[in-house]
Amino acid sequence: MSAKLEQRRKRLAFRAWHRGMKELDLLIGGFADRHLAELSPAQLGRFEALLDVPEPLMYRWLMGQEPPPAEYDHDVMNLLLTFKYSPQHLD
């Protein structure tokens, strides 16, 4: 893996764990820990775009209160929606 790609994954992992809302930090950070290493560069781009979504909106999507709009209805969002947080992801 290229150093540039590894650096991108590290930056995305940091952003995933430091969104601000603790509930989203746990969900999205745990997801990042579990899946970032296997995401393609194109998928990393889609994940990065999800990190730019405002927290209240992302929370509603992840809690099933409303579906994500078409532009965010993609493979990475589907992985995130089916991700099951577990404290063991923190070990």
N, C-alpha and C. Protein backbone atom coordinates (compact mmCIF):
# COMPACT_ATOMS: atom_id res chain seq x y z
N MET A 1 0.85 -1.17 0.00
CA MET A 1 0.00 0.00 0.00
C MET A 1 0.90 1.24 0.00
N SER A 2 0.51 2.21 -0.78
CA SER A 2 1.31 3.42 -0.86
C SER A 2 1.24 4.22 0.44
N ALA A 3 2.30 4.95 0.70
CA ALA A 3 2.35 5.78 1.91
C ALA A 3 1.25 6.85 1.86
N LYS A 4 0.98 7.37 0.67
CA LYS A 4 -0.05 8.40 0.53
C LYS A 4 -1.44 7.84 0.88
N LEU A 5 -1.73 6.62 0.43
CA LEU A 5 -3.01 5.99 0.73
C LEU A 5 -3.12 5.68 2.22
N GLU A 6 -2.04 5.22 2.81
CA GLU A 6 -2.04 4.93 4.25
C GLU A 6 -2.26 6.22 5.05
N GLN A 7 -1.63 7.29 4.64
CA GLN A 7 -1.81 8.58 5.32
C GLN A 7 -3.26 9.05 5.19
N ARG A 8 -3.87 8.84 4.03
CA ARG A 8 -5.27 9.21 3.83
C ARG A 8 -6.16 8.41 4.78
N ARG A 9 -5.91 7.13 4.90
CA ARG A 9 -6.71 6.29 5.80
C ARG A 9 -6.57 6.76 7.25
N LYS A 10 -5.36 7.12 7.66
CA LYS A 10 -5.14 7.60 9.03
C LYS A 10 -5.89 8.91 9.27
N ARG A 11 -5.85 9.79 8.29
CA ARG A 11 -6.55 11.07 8.43
C ARG A 11 -8.06 10.85 8.53
N LEU A 12 -8.60 9.95 7.71
CA LEU A 12 -10.03 9.66 7.76
C LEU A 12 -10.42 9.00 9.08
N ALA A 13 -9.57 8.12 9.59
CA ALA A 13 -9.85 7.48 10.88
C ALA A 13 -9.91 8.53 11.98
N PHE A 14 -8.98 9.47 11.97
CA PHE A 14 -8.99 10.54 12.97
C PHE A 14 -10.28 11.34 12.88
N ARG A 15 -10.65 11.73 11.65
CA ARG A 15 -11.88 12.50 11.47
C ARG A 15 -13.11 11.71 11.93
N ALA A 16 -13.11 10.41 11.67
CA ALA A 16 -14.25 9.57 12.06
C ALA A 16 -14.42 9.53 13.57
N TRP A 17 -13.32 9.57 14.30
CA TRP A 17 -13.38 9.51 15.77
C TRP A 17 -13.55 10.88 16.41
N HIS A 18 -13.48 11.95 15.64
CA HIS A 18 -13.52 13.30 16.22
C HIS A 18 -14.55 14.19 15.53
N ARG A 19 -15.75 13.69 15.36
CA ARG A 19 -16.82 14.47 14.75
C ARG A 19 -17.41 15.44 15.75
N GLY A 20 -17.48 15.03 17.00
CA GLY A 20 -18.03 15.91 18.02
C GLY A 20 -19.15 15.27 18.83
N MET A 21 -20.09 14.64 18.17
CA MET A 21 -21.18 13.96 18.87
C MET A 21 -20.68 12.56 19.25
N LYS A 22 -20.62 12.29 20.54
CA LYS A 22 -20.03 11.04 21.02
C LYS A 22 -20.65 9.80 20.38
N GLU A 23 -21.96 9.80 20.23
CA GLU A 23 -22.64 8.65 19.64
C GLU A 23 -22.14 8.39 18.22
N LEU A 24 -21.97 9.46 17.44
CA LEU A 24 -21.46 9.30 16.08
C LEU A 24 -19.98 8.94 16.08
N ASP A 25 -19.23 9.49 17.02
CA ASP A 25 -17.82 9.11 17.13
C ASP A 25 -17.69 7.61 17.31
N LEU A 26 -18.51 7.04 18.19
CA LEU A 26 -18.44 5.60 18.45
C LEU A 26 -18.85 4.79 17.23
N LEU A 27 -19.94 5.17 16.60
CA LEU A 27 -20.42 4.43 15.43
C LEU A 27 -19.48 4.57 14.23
N ILE A 28 -19.19 5.80 13.87
CA ILE A 28 -18.40 6.03 12.66
C ILE A 28 -16.93 5.70 12.90
N GLY A 29 -16.43 5.99 14.10
CA GLY A 29 -15.05 5.63 14.42
C GLY A 29 -14.87 4.12 14.47
N GLY A 30 -15.82 3.42 15.08
CA GLY A 30 -15.76 1.96 15.10
C GLY A 30 -15.83 1.38 13.70
N PHE A 31 -16.69 1.96 12.85
CA PHE A 31 -16.78 1.55 11.46
C PHE A 31 -15.45 1.76 10.75
N ALA A 32 -14.85 2.92 10.97
CA ALA A 32 -13.56 3.22 10.33
C ALA A 32 -12.49 2.22 10.76
N ASP A 33 -12.44 1.93 12.05
CA ASP A 33 -11.45 0.96 12.54
C ASP A 33 -11.64 -0.39 11.87
N ARG A 34 -12.88 -0.77 11.65
CA ARG A 34 -13.18 -2.09 11.09
C ARG A 34 -13.00 -2.13 9.57
N HIS A 35 -13.37 -1.06 8.85
CA HIS A 35 -13.48 -1.14 7.40
C HIS A 35 -12.48 -0.31 6.58
N LEU A 36 -11.85 0.70 7.12
CA LEU A 36 -11.02 1.57 6.29
C LEU A 36 -9.93 0.82 5.53
N ALA A 37 -9.32 -0.17 6.14
CA ALA A 37 -8.22 -0.89 5.50
C ALA A 37 -8.66 -1.62 4.24
N GLU A 38 -9.94 -1.97 4.15
CA GLU A 38 -10.42 -2.74 3.01
C GLU A 38 -11.12 -1.89 1.95
N LEU A 39 -11.33 -0.61 2.23
CA LEU A 39 -12.01 0.26 1.27
C LEU A 39 -11.07 0.66 0.13
N SER A 40 -11.62 0.66 -1.08
CA SER A 40 -10.86 1.11 -2.25
C SER A 40 -10.70 2.63 -2.18
N PRO A 41 -9.80 3.19 -3.00
CA PRO A 41 -9.68 4.66 -3.03
C PRO A 41 -11.01 5.36 -3.37
N ALA A 42 -11.80 4.79 -4.28
CA ALA A 42 -13.10 5.40 -4.61
C ALA A 42 -14.04 5.34 -3.40
N GLN A 43 -14.02 4.23 -2.69
CA GLN A 43 -14.86 4.11 -1.50
C GLN A 43 -14.38 5.05 -0.40
N LEU A 44 -13.08 5.25 -0.30
CA LEU A 44 -12.57 6.22 0.68
C LEU A 44 -13.11 7.61 0.38
N GLY A 45 -13.22 7.94 -0.90
CA GLY A 45 -13.79 9.23 -1.29
C GLY A 45 -15.24 9.35 -0.85
N ARG A 46 -16.00 8.27 -1.00
CA ARG A 46 -17.41 8.30 -0.57
C ARG A 46 -17.51 8.39 0.95
N PHE A 47 -16.61 7.70 1.65
CA PHE A 47 -16.59 7.79 3.12
C PHE A 47 -16.23 9.21 3.55
N GLU A 48 -15.26 9.79 2.90
CA GLU A 48 -14.85 11.16 3.22
C GLU A 48 -16.02 12.13 3.03
N ALA A 49 -16.81 11.94 1.97
CA ALA A 49 -17.98 12.79 1.75
C ALA A 49 -19.00 12.60 2.88
N LEU A 50 -19.13 11.39 3.38
CA LEU A 50 -20.05 11.15 4.50
C LEU A 50 -19.59 11.88 5.76
N LEU A 51 -18.29 12.02 5.93
CA LEU A 51 -17.77 12.73 7.11
C LEU A 51 -18.09 14.22 7.06
N ASP A 52 -18.42 14.72 5.89
CA ASP A 52 -18.78 16.14 5.75
C ASP A 52 -20.27 16.41 5.99
N VAL A 53 -21.05 15.35 6.14
CA VAL A 53 -22.49 15.50 6.39
C VAL A 53 -22.68 16.02 7.81
N PRO A 54 -23.54 17.02 8.00
CA PRO A 54 -23.79 17.53 9.35
C PRO A 54 -24.25 16.42 10.31
N GLU A 55 -23.80 16.50 11.53
CA GLU A 55 -24.07 15.46 12.52
C GLU A 55 -25.55 15.16 12.73
N PRO A 56 -26.42 16.16 12.91
CA PRO A 56 -27.84 15.82 13.14
C PRO A 56 -28.44 15.02 11.98
N LEU A 57 -28.05 15.35 10.76
CA LEU A 57 -28.56 14.64 9.60
C LEU A 57 -28.02 13.21 9.55
N MET A 58 -26.73 13.05 9.76
CA MET A 58 -26.12 11.71 9.77
C MET A 58 -26.74 10.85 10.87
N TYR A 59 -26.97 11.44 12.01
CA TYR A 59 -27.57 10.71 13.13
C TYR A 59 -28.96 10.18 12.73
N ARG A 60 -29.76 11.02 12.09
CA ARG A 60 -31.10 10.59 11.66
C ARG A 60 -31.01 9.43 10.66
N TRP A 61 -30.05 9.48 9.76
CA TRP A 61 -29.88 8.39 8.80
C TRP A 61 -29.49 7.09 9.52
N LEU A 62 -28.51 7.20 10.42
CA LEU A 62 -28.00 6.00 11.08
C LEU A 62 -29.01 5.40 12.06
N MET A 63 -29.87 6.21 12.61
CA MET A 63 -30.90 5.72 13.53
C MET A 63 -32.17 5.27 12.81
N GLY A 64 -32.16 5.37 11.48
CA GLY A 64 -33.30 4.93 10.70
C GLY A 64 -34.48 5.88 10.75
N GLN A 65 -34.26 7.11 11.19
CA GLN A 65 -35.34 8.08 11.27
C GLN A 65 -35.71 8.64 9.91
N GLU A 66 -34.75 8.63 8.99
CA GLU A 66 -35.01 9.02 7.61
C GLU A 66 -33.94 8.39 6.73
N PRO A 67 -34.28 8.10 5.49
CA PRO A 67 -33.29 7.48 4.60
C PRO A 67 -32.31 8.54 4.06
N PRO A 68 -31.11 8.11 3.76
CA PRO A 68 -30.18 9.06 3.13
C PRO A 68 -30.66 9.41 1.72
N PRO A 69 -30.39 10.61 1.26
CA PRO A 69 -30.77 10.98 -0.11
C PRO A 69 -29.96 10.16 -1.12
N ALA A 70 -30.41 10.17 -2.34
CA ALA A 70 -29.81 9.35 -3.40
C ALA A 70 -28.30 9.55 -3.51
N GLU A 71 -27.82 10.76 -3.37
CA GLU A 71 -26.38 11.02 -3.52
C GLU A 71 -25.54 10.32 -2.45
N TYR A 72 -26.16 9.95 -1.32
CA TYR A 72 -25.45 9.25 -0.25
C TYR A 72 -25.90 7.79 -0.12
N ASP A 73 -26.75 7.34 -1.01
CA ASP A 73 -27.23 5.97 -0.98
C ASP A 73 -26.30 5.12 -1.86
N HIS A 74 -25.18 4.70 -1.25
CA HIS A 74 -24.17 3.95 -1.98
C HIS A 74 -23.59 2.85 -1.11
N ASP A 75 -22.63 2.12 -1.66
CA ASP A 75 -22.07 0.96 -0.97
C ASP A 75 -21.50 1.28 0.40
N VAL A 76 -20.81 2.39 0.53
CA VAL A 76 -20.19 2.73 1.82
C VAL A 76 -21.27 3.08 2.85
N MET A 77 -22.29 3.82 2.43
CA MET A 77 -23.38 4.14 3.35
C MET A 77 -24.10 2.86 3.76
N ASN A 78 -24.30 1.94 2.84
CA ASN A 78 -24.95 0.68 3.18
C ASN A 78 -24.12 -0.11 4.18
N LEU A 79 -22.79 -0.12 4.01
CA LEU A 79 -21.92 -0.77 5.00
C LEU A 79 -22.07 -0.11 6.37
N LEU A 80 -22.11 1.21 6.37
CA LEU A 80 -22.24 1.94 7.62
C LEU A 80 -23.59 1.68 8.28
N LEU A 81 -24.65 1.62 7.49
CA LEU A 81 -25.97 1.37 8.04
C LEU A 81 -26.11 -0.04 8.62
N THR A 82 -25.36 -0.99 8.10
CA THR A 82 -25.44 -2.36 8.60
C THR A 82 -24.37 -2.67 9.64
N PHE A 83 -23.47 -1.71 9.87
CA PHE A 83 -22.41 -1.91 10.86
C PHE A 83 -23.01 -2.01 12.26
N LYS A 84 -22.57 -2.98 13.00
CA LYS A 84 -23.01 -3.17 14.38
C LYS A 84 -21.87 -2.78 15.31
N TYR A 85 -22.04 -1.67 16.01
CA TYR A 85 -21.02 -1.21 16.95
C TYR A 85 -20.88 -2.20 18.08
N SER A 86 -19.66 -2.45 18.48
CA SER A 86 -19.37 -3.29 19.63
C SER A 86 -18.17 -2.70 20.34
N PRO A 87 -18.20 -2.63 21.67
CA PRO A 87 -17.05 -2.08 22.40
C PRO A 87 -15.74 -2.82 22.09
N GLN A 88 -15.82 -4.05 21.62
CA GLN A 88 -14.60 -4.78 21.30
C GLN A 88 -13.86 -4.14 20.13
N HIS A 89 -14.55 -3.29 19.34
CA HIS A 89 -13.87 -2.58 18.26
C HIS A 89 -12.85 -1.59 18.82
N LEU A 90 -12.98 -1.27 20.09
CA LEU A 90 -12.07 -0.30 20.70
C LEU A 90 -10.79 -0.94 21.21
N ASP A 91 -10.75 -2.26 21.27
CA ASP A 91 -9.55 -2.94 21.77
C ASP A 91 -8.46 -3.00 20.74
